[in-house]
Amino acid sequence: MQITDIQHQKKIDNRYNIYIDNVYTFSADIEDIVRFDLKVGNEYTEEEINFFINECEIRKGFKYALYLLNNRDYCKKEIVEKLFMKGYSDNSINNIIEKLKEYNLINDKIFAQKYINNKLKYKKNGKYKVINELKLKGISNEILEEIDIDDGIQIENAYSIALKKIKSLKEKDNKIAKIKRFLYYKGYDSDIIDKVIRKLFDNFSQE
């Protein structure tokens, strides 16, 4: 099996198409071409060609993953899904994920904690809603069990959004029931909700 042509890709400066026996076979970065000494006229076994294809795909996928992570944080499952949608093989995806882990570029525990902090600060969602969202993102129960969400912060957040909610309700509304439903929807447990309801209506009764 012989390399019969190496053509520069028009849209990507650093990438080239490799032709084996006059048939396009794979693409490679200039780093790969230098690393494997890929030249027109060189002959290789099928096993060697498959090795080049696999290594070049891993490098390309790793760069794509870095591009994604440069824009925002991703958990492992999200990166796997992105790579799968791009057509990368299971073997390449596994290698890319291991490489990302090696450099600590993905870490589900750190991701989960950042995600929770963000939701508490900006969305003021309760523990259960945030935990369920993380489960859908593939965060393991083992990691979720290690994460501690301070009740004080939850009460403060729940009170803040409940206060806004109650001011929007009409006099004829069953305010307690509506506030409870609202807080439950936001992901707060019954204990937090009861404490907020007591605090909310105690403050209103003193006005």
C-alpha atoms as a PDB file:
ATOM      1  CA  MET A   1       0.000   0.000   0.000  1.00  0.00           C
ATOM      2  CA  GLN A   2       1.602   3.211  -1.206  1.00  0.00           C
ATOM      3  CA  ILE A   3       1.005   6.906  -0.534  1.00  0.00           C
ATOM      4  CA  THR A   4       0.286   8.283  -3.985  1.00  0.00           C
ATOM      5  CA  ASP A   5      -0.676  11.848  -3.082  1.00  0.00           C
ATOM      6  CA  ILE A   6      -0.822  14.289  -0.166  1.00  0.00           C
ATOM      7  CA  GLN A   7      -3.144  17.252  -0.768  1.00  0.00           C
ATOM      8  CA  HIS A   8      -3.497  20.352   1.374  1.00  0.00           C
ATOM      9  CA  GLN A   9      -7.083  20.927   2.538  1.00  0.00           C
ATOM     10  CA  LYS A  10      -8.516  24.212   1.283  1.00  0.00           C
ATOM     11  CA  LYS A  11     -10.477  25.111   4.425  1.00  0.00           C
ATOM     12  CA  ILE A  12      -8.009  24.008   7.115  1.00  0.00           C
ATOM     13  CA  ASP A  13      -4.447  25.339   6.816  1.00  0.00           C
ATOM     14  CA  ASN A  14      -2.759  22.696   8.944  1.00  0.00           C
ATOM     15  CA  ARG A  15      -4.543  19.609   7.572  1.00  0.00           C
ATOM     16  CA  TYR A  16      -3.826  17.358   4.604  1.00  0.00           C
ATOM     17  CA  ASN A  17      -5.640  14.573   2.757  1.00  0.00           C
ATOM     18  CA  ILE A  18      -3.659  11.355   2.360  1.00  0.00           C
ATOM     19  CA  TYR A  19      -4.252   9.158  -0.703  1.00  0.00           C
ATOM     20  CA  ILE A  20      -3.310   5.474  -0.637  1.00  0.00           C
ATOM     21  CA  ASP A  21      -3.124   3.766  -4.048  1.00  0.00           C
ATOM     22  CA  ASN A  22      -4.872   6.823  -5.591  1.00  0.00           C
ATOM     23  CA  VAL A  23      -7.803   6.622  -3.155  1.00  0.00           C
ATOM     24  CA  TYR A  24      -8.433   9.162  -0.373  1.00  0.00           C
ATOM     25  CA  THR A  25      -7.887   7.225   2.854  1.00  0.00           C
ATOM     26  CA  PHE A  26      -7.509   9.651   5.781  1.00  0.00           C
ATOM     27  CA  SER A  27      -6.552  13.181   6.790  1.00  0.00           C
ATOM     28  CA  ALA A  28      -3.628  14.261   8.953  1.00  0.00           C
ATOM     29  CA  ASP A  29      -2.210  17.368  10.610  1.00  0.00           C
ATOM     30  CA  ILE A  30       1.229  18.530   9.551  1.00  0.00           C
ATOM     31  CA  GLU A  31       2.460  17.277  12.966  1.00  0.00           C
ATOM     32  CA  ASP A  32       1.257  13.771  12.099  1.00  0.00           C
ATOM     33  CA  ILE A  33       2.877  13.881   8.679  1.00  0.00           C
ATOM     34  CA  VAL A  34       6.222  14.822  10.238  1.00  0.00           C
ATOM     35  CA  ARG A  35       5.854  12.419  13.164  1.00  0.00           C
ATOM     36  CA  PHE A  36       5.127   9.401  10.946  1.00  0.00           C
ATOM     37  CA  ASP A  37       7.328  10.593   8.061  1.00  0.00           C
ATOM     38  CA  LEU A  38       4.437  10.331   5.611  1.00  0.00           C
ATOM     39  CA  LYS A  39       5.689  10.988   2.080  1.00  0.00           C
ATOM     40  CA  VAL A  40       4.476  10.317  -1.439  1.00  0.00           C
ATOM     41  CA  GLY A  41       5.984   7.045  -2.601  1.00  0.00           C
ATOM     42  CA  ASN A  42       6.326   5.509   0.855  1.00  0.00           C
ATOM     43  CA  GLU A  43       4.853   2.028   1.181  1.00  0.00           C
ATOM     44  CA  TYR A  44       3.189   0.600   4.282  1.00  0.00           C
ATOM     45  CA  THR A  45       1.359  -2.495   5.422  1.00  0.00           C
ATOM     46  CA  GLU A  46      -2.389  -2.431   6.059  1.00  0.00           C
ATOM     47  CA  GLU A  47      -1.668  -2.629   9.785  1.00  0.00           C
ATOM     48  CA  GLU A  48       0.572   0.433   9.618  1.00  0.00           C
ATOM     49  CA  ILE A  49      -2.029   2.404   7.639  1.00  0.00           C
ATOM     50  CA  ASN A  50      -4.710   1.540  10.192  1.00  0.00           C
ATOM     51  CA  PHE A  51      -2.381   2.700  12.953  1.00  0.00           C
ATOM     52  CA  PHE A  52      -1.862   6.054  11.194  1.00  0.00           C
ATOM     53  CA  ILE A  53      -5.618   6.464  10.674  1.00  0.00           C
ATOM     54  CA  ASN A  54      -6.330   5.767  14.328  1.00  0.00           C
ATOM     55  CA  GLU A  55      -3.590   8.083  15.645  1.00  0.00           C
ATOM     56  CA  CYS A  56      -4.601  10.928  13.312  1.00  0.00           C
ATOM     57  CA  GLU A  57      -8.254  10.590  14.294  1.00  0.00           C
ATOM     58  CA  ILE A  58      -7.352  10.735  17.988  1.00  0.00           C
ATOM     59  CA  ARG A  59      -5.262  13.871  17.483  1.00  0.00           C
ATOM     60  CA  LYS A  60      -8.049  15.536  15.480  1.00  0.00           C
ATOM     61  CA  GLY A  61     -10.680  14.562  18.063  1.00  0.00           C
ATOM     62  CA  PHE A  62      -8.500  15.780  20.919  1.00  0.00           C
ATOM     63  CA  LYS A  63      -8.150  19.177  19.249  1.00  0.00           C
ATOM     64  CA  TYR A  64     -11.920  19.309  18.745  1.00  0.00           C
ATOM     65  CA  ALA A  65     -12.450  18.518  22.430  1.00  0.00           C
ATOM     66  CA  LEU A  66     -10.016  21.295  23.387  1.00  0.00           C
ATOM     67  CA  TYR A  67     -11.987  23.686  21.169  1.00  0.00           C
ATOM     68  CA  LEU A  68     -15.187  22.764  22.987  1.00  0.00           C
ATOM     69  CA  LEU A  69     -13.628  23.083  26.445  1.00  0.00           C
ATOM     70  CA  ASN A  70     -12.165  26.456  25.549  1.00  0.00           C
ATOM     71  CA  ASN A  71     -15.706  27.821  25.263  1.00  0.00           C
ATOM     72  CA  ARG A  72     -17.258  26.286  28.388  1.00  0.00           C
ATOM     73  CA  ASP A  73     -17.002  23.402  30.838  1.00  0.00           C
ATOM     74  CA  TYR A  74     -18.214  19.968  29.783  1.00  0.00           C
ATOM     75  CA  CYS A  75     -18.643  16.738  31.701  1.00  0.00           C
ATOM     76  CA  LYS A  76     -17.415  13.415  30.331  1.00  0.00           C
ATOM     77  CA  LYS A  77     -20.786  12.338  28.909  1.00  0.00           C
ATOM     78  CA  GLU A  78     -21.244  15.608  27.011  1.00  0.00           C
ATOM     79  CA  ILE A  79     -17.800  15.349  25.395  1.00  0.00           C
ATOM     80  CA  VAL A  80     -18.436  11.708  24.456  1.00  0.00           C
ATOM     81  CA  GLU A  81     -21.745  12.671  22.831  1.00  0.00           C
ATOM     82  CA  LYS A  82     -20.135  15.547  20.907  1.00  0.00           C
ATOM     83  CA  LEU A  83     -17.378  13.260  19.574  1.00  0.00           C
ATOM     84  CA  PHE A  84     -19.887  10.541  18.682  1.00  0.00           C
ATOM     85  CA  MET A  85     -21.992  13.037  16.720  1.00  0.00           C
ATOM     86  CA  LYS A  86     -18.857  14.006  14.794  1.00  0.00           C
ATOM     87  CA  GLY A  87     -18.404  10.391  13.763  1.00  0.00           C
ATOM     88  CA  TYR A  88     -15.415   9.384  15.863  1.00  0.00           C
ATOM     89  CA  SER A  89     -14.989   5.685  16.583  1.00  0.00           C
ATOM     90  CA  ASP A  90     -15.506   4.223  20.053  1.00  0.00           C
ATOM     91  CA  ASN A  91     -11.807   3.448  20.267  1.00  0.00           C
ATOM     92  CA  SER A  92     -10.830   7.027  19.403  1.00  0.00           C
ATOM     93  CA  ILE A  93     -13.365   8.464  21.828  1.00  0.00           C
ATOM     94  CA  ASN A  94     -12.038   6.291  24.664  1.00  0.00           C
ATOM     95  CA  ASN A  95      -8.469   7.385  23.919  1.00  0.00           C
ATOM     96  CA  ILE A  96      -9.458  11.050  23.693  1.00  0.00           C
ATOM     97  CA  ILE A  97     -11.332  10.884  27.011  1.00  0.00           C
ATOM     98  CA  GLU A  98      -8.377   9.229  28.742  1.00  0.00           C
ATOM     99  CA  LYS A  99      -6.048  11.891  27.367  1.00  0.00           C
ATOM    100  CA  LEU A 100      -8.358  14.661  28.596  1.00  0.00           C
ATOM    101  CA  LYS A 101      -8.468  13.042  32.027  1.00  0.00           C
ATOM    102  CA  GLU A 102      -4.690  12.689  32.065  1.00  0.00           C
ATOM    103  CA  TYR A 103      -4.328  16.447  31.661  1.00  0.00           C
ATOM    104  CA  ASN A 104      -7.232  17.044  34.078  1.00  0.00           C
ATOM    105  CA  LEU A 105      -9.136  18.839  31.328  1.00  0.00           C
ATOM    106  CA  ILE A 106     -12.341  17.009  32.238  1.00  0.00           C
ATOM    107  CA  ASN A 107     -13.243  16.148  35.796  1.00  0.00           C
ATOM    108  CA  ASP A 108     -16.855  15.283  36.572  1.00  0.00           C
ATOM    109  CA  LYS A 109     -16.506  16.111  40.263  1.00  0.00           C
ATOM    110  CA  ILE A 110     -15.180  19.609  39.569  1.00  0.00           C
ATOM    111  CA  PHE A 111     -17.751  20.048  36.808  1.00  0.00           C
ATOM    112  CA  ALA A 112     -20.596  19.073  39.159  1.00  0.00           C
ATOM    113  CA  GLN A 113     -19.487  21.464  41.880  1.00  0.00           C
ATOM    114  CA  LYS A 114     -19.163  24.365  39.415  1.00  0.00           C
ATOM    115  CA  TYR A 115     -22.540  23.503  37.919  1.00  0.00           C
ATOM    116  CA  ILE A 116     -24.191  23.495  41.340  1.00  0.00           C
ATOM    117  CA  ASN A 117     -22.561  26.784  42.358  1.00  0.00           C
ATOM    118  CA  ASN A 118     -23.746  28.382  39.125  1.00  0.00           C
ATOM    119  CA  LYS A 119     -27.321  27.158  39.513  1.00  0.00           C
ATOM    120  CA  LEU A 120     -27.464  28.264  43.145  1.00  0.00           C
ATOM    121  CA  LYS A 121     -26.098  31.707  42.360  1.00  0.00           C
ATOM    122  CA  TYR A 122     -27.886  32.582  39.141  1.00  0.00           C
ATOM    123  CA  LYS A 123     -30.950  30.331  38.873  1.00  0.00           C
ATOM    124  CA  LYS A 124     -31.536  29.842  42.628  1.00  0.00           C
ATOM    125  CA  ASN A 125     -32.648  26.271  41.970  1.00  0.00           C
ATOM    126  CA  GLY A 126     -32.987  23.817  44.825  1.00  0.00           C
ATOM    127  CA  LYS A 127     -30.841  20.785  45.515  1.00  0.00           C
ATOM    128  CA  TYR A 128     -33.100  18.164  43.952  1.00  0.00           C
ATOM    129  CA  LYS A 129     -33.569  19.966  40.662  1.00  0.00           C
ATOM    130  CA  VAL A 130     -29.832  20.528  40.275  1.00  0.00           C
ATOM    131  CA  ILE A 131     -29.005  16.937  41.243  1.00  0.00           C
ATOM    132  CA  ASN A 132     -31.502  15.572  38.708  1.00  0.00           C
ATOM    133  CA  GLU A 133     -29.995  17.772  35.999  1.00  0.00           C
ATOM    134  CA  LEU A 134     -26.530  16.444  36.818  1.00  0.00           C
ATOM    135  CA  LYS A 135     -27.782  12.850  36.704  1.00  0.00           C
ATOM    136  CA  LEU A 136     -29.057  13.498  33.178  1.00  0.00           C
ATOM    137  CA  LYS A 137     -25.578  14.742  32.316  1.00  0.00           C
ATOM    138  CA  GLY A 138     -24.150  11.395  33.392  1.00  0.00           C
ATOM    139  CA  ILE A 139     -22.634  12.442  36.711  1.00  0.00           C
ATOM    140  CA  SER A 140     -22.311   9.332  38.876  1.00  0.00           C
ATOM    141  CA  ASN A 141     -24.187   8.821  42.145  1.00  0.00           C
ATOM    142  CA  GLU A 142     -20.827   8.378  43.842  1.00  0.00           C
ATOM    143  CA  ILE A 143     -19.822  11.929  42.913  1.00  0.00           C
ATOM    144  CA  LEU A 144     -23.241  13.365  43.725  1.00  0.00           C
ATOM    145  CA  GLU A 145     -23.187  11.804  47.187  1.00  0.00           C
ATOM    146  CA  GLU A 146     -19.917  13.585  47.951  1.00  0.00           C
ATOM    147  CA  ILE A 147     -21.287  17.030  47.105  1.00  0.00           C
ATOM    148  CA  ASP A 148     -22.637  19.024  50.017  1.00  0.00           C
ATOM    149  CA  ILE A 149     -25.119  21.830  49.424  1.00  0.00           C
ATOM    150  CA  ASP A 150     -25.447  24.151  52.384  1.00  0.00           C
ATOM    151  CA  ASP A 151     -29.002  24.393  53.729  1.00  0.00           C
ATOM    152  CA  GLY A 152     -28.396  28.000  54.730  1.00  0.00           C
ATOM    153  CA  ILE A 153     -27.722  29.004  51.135  1.00  0.00           C
ATOM    154  CA  GLN A 154     -30.776  27.070  49.963  1.00  0.00           C
ATOM    155  CA  ILE A 155     -33.021  28.783  52.526  1.00  0.00           C
ATOM    156  CA  GLU A 156     -31.641  32.182  51.558  1.00  0.00           C
ATOM    157  CA  ASN A 157     -32.200  31.508  47.844  1.00  0.00           C
ATOM    158  CA  ALA A 158     -35.638  29.979  48.342  1.00  0.00           C
ATOM    159  CA  TYR A 159     -36.734  32.900  50.514  1.00  0.00           C
ATOM    160  CA  SER A 160     -35.490  35.389  47.922  1.00  0.00           C
ATOM    161  CA  ILE A 161     -37.466  33.871  45.042  1.00  0.00           C
ATOM    162  CA  ALA A 162     -40.502  33.165  47.230  1.00  0.00           C
ATOM    163  CA  LEU A 163     -40.584  36.823  48.289  1.00  0.00           C
ATOM    164  CA  LYS A 164     -40.690  37.902  44.654  1.00  0.00           C
ATOM    165  CA  LYS A 165     -43.334  35.304  43.899  1.00  0.00           C
ATOM    166  CA  ILE A 166     -45.673  36.274  46.718  1.00  0.00           C
ATOM    167  CA  LYS A 167     -45.636  39.917  45.646  1.00  0.00           C
ATOM    168  CA  SER A 168     -46.915  38.848  42.224  1.00  0.00           C
ATOM    169  CA  LEU A 169     -49.872  36.886  43.649  1.00  0.00           C
ATOM    170  CA  LYS A 170     -53.373  38.293  43.946  1.00  0.00           C
ATOM    171  CA  GLU A 171     -55.209  38.688  47.249  1.00  0.00           C
ATOM    172  CA  LYS A 172     -57.689  35.937  46.439  1.00  0.00           C
ATOM    173  CA  ASP A 173     -54.937  33.416  45.665  1.00  0.00           C
ATOM    174  CA  ASN A 174     -54.109  30.597  48.037  1.00  0.00           C
ATOM    175  CA  LYS A 175     -50.654  32.031  48.571  1.00  0.00           C
ATOM    176  CA  ILE A 176     -49.204  29.310  50.784  1.00  0.00           C
ATOM    177  CA  ALA A 177     -50.196  26.551  48.372  1.00  0.00           C
ATOM    178  CA  LYS A 178     -48.877  28.456  45.371  1.00  0.00           C
ATOM    179  CA  ILE A 179     -45.580  29.299  47.042  1.00  0.00           C
ATOM    180  CA  LYS A 180     -45.127  25.665  48.071  1.00  0.00           C
ATOM    181  CA  ARG A 181     -45.786  24.438  44.525  1.00  0.00           C
ATOM    182  CA  PHE A 182     -43.432  27.065  43.133  1.00  0.00           C
ATOM    183  CA  LEU A 183     -40.586  26.105  45.471  1.00  0.00           C
ATOM    184  CA  TYR A 184     -41.165  22.400  44.877  1.00  0.00           C
ATOM    185  CA  TYR A 185     -40.908  23.013  41.130  1.00  0.00           C
ATOM    186  CA  LYS A 186     -37.626  24.866  41.720  1.00  0.00           C
ATOM    187  CA  GLY A 187     -36.249  21.743  43.393  1.00  0.00           C
ATOM    188  CA  TYR A 188     -36.479  22.444  47.127  1.00  0.00           C
ATOM    189  CA  ASP A 189     -37.364  19.720  49.604  1.00  0.00           C
ATOM    190  CA  SER A 190     -40.278  19.912  52.038  1.00  0.00           C
ATOM    191  CA  ASP A 191     -38.084  20.828  55.019  1.00  0.00           C
ATOM    192  CA  ILE A 192     -36.597  23.848  53.241  1.00  0.00           C
ATOM    193  CA  ILE A 193     -40.017  24.854  51.919  1.00  0.00           C
ATOM    194  CA  ASP A 194     -41.633  24.726  55.380  1.00  0.00           C
ATOM    195  CA  LYS A 195     -38.872  26.865  56.884  1.00  0.00           C
ATOM    196  CA  VAL A 196     -39.190  29.437  54.104  1.00  0.00           C
ATOM    197  CA  ILE A 197     -42.976  29.544  54.373  1.00  0.00           C
ATOM    198  CA  ARG A 198     -42.779  30.182  58.127  1.00  0.00           C
ATOM    199  CA  LYS A 199     -40.152  32.871  57.692  1.00  0.00           C
ATOM    200  CA  LEU A 200     -42.044  34.472  54.822  1.00  0.00           C
ATOM    201  CA  PHE A 201     -45.404  34.730  56.521  1.00  0.00           C
ATOM    202  CA  ASP A 202     -43.926  35.613  59.920  1.00  0.00           C
ATOM    203  CA  ASN A 203     -42.282  38.620  58.278  1.00  0.00           C
ATOM    204  CA  PHE A 204     -45.478  39.578  56.470  1.00  0.00           C
ATOM    205  CA  SER A 205     -47.538  39.312  59.651  1.00  0.00           C
ATOM    206  CA  GLN A 206     -45.157  41.731  61.386  1.00  0.00           C
ATOM    207  CA  GLU A 207     -45.550  44.407  58.724  1.00  0.00           C
END
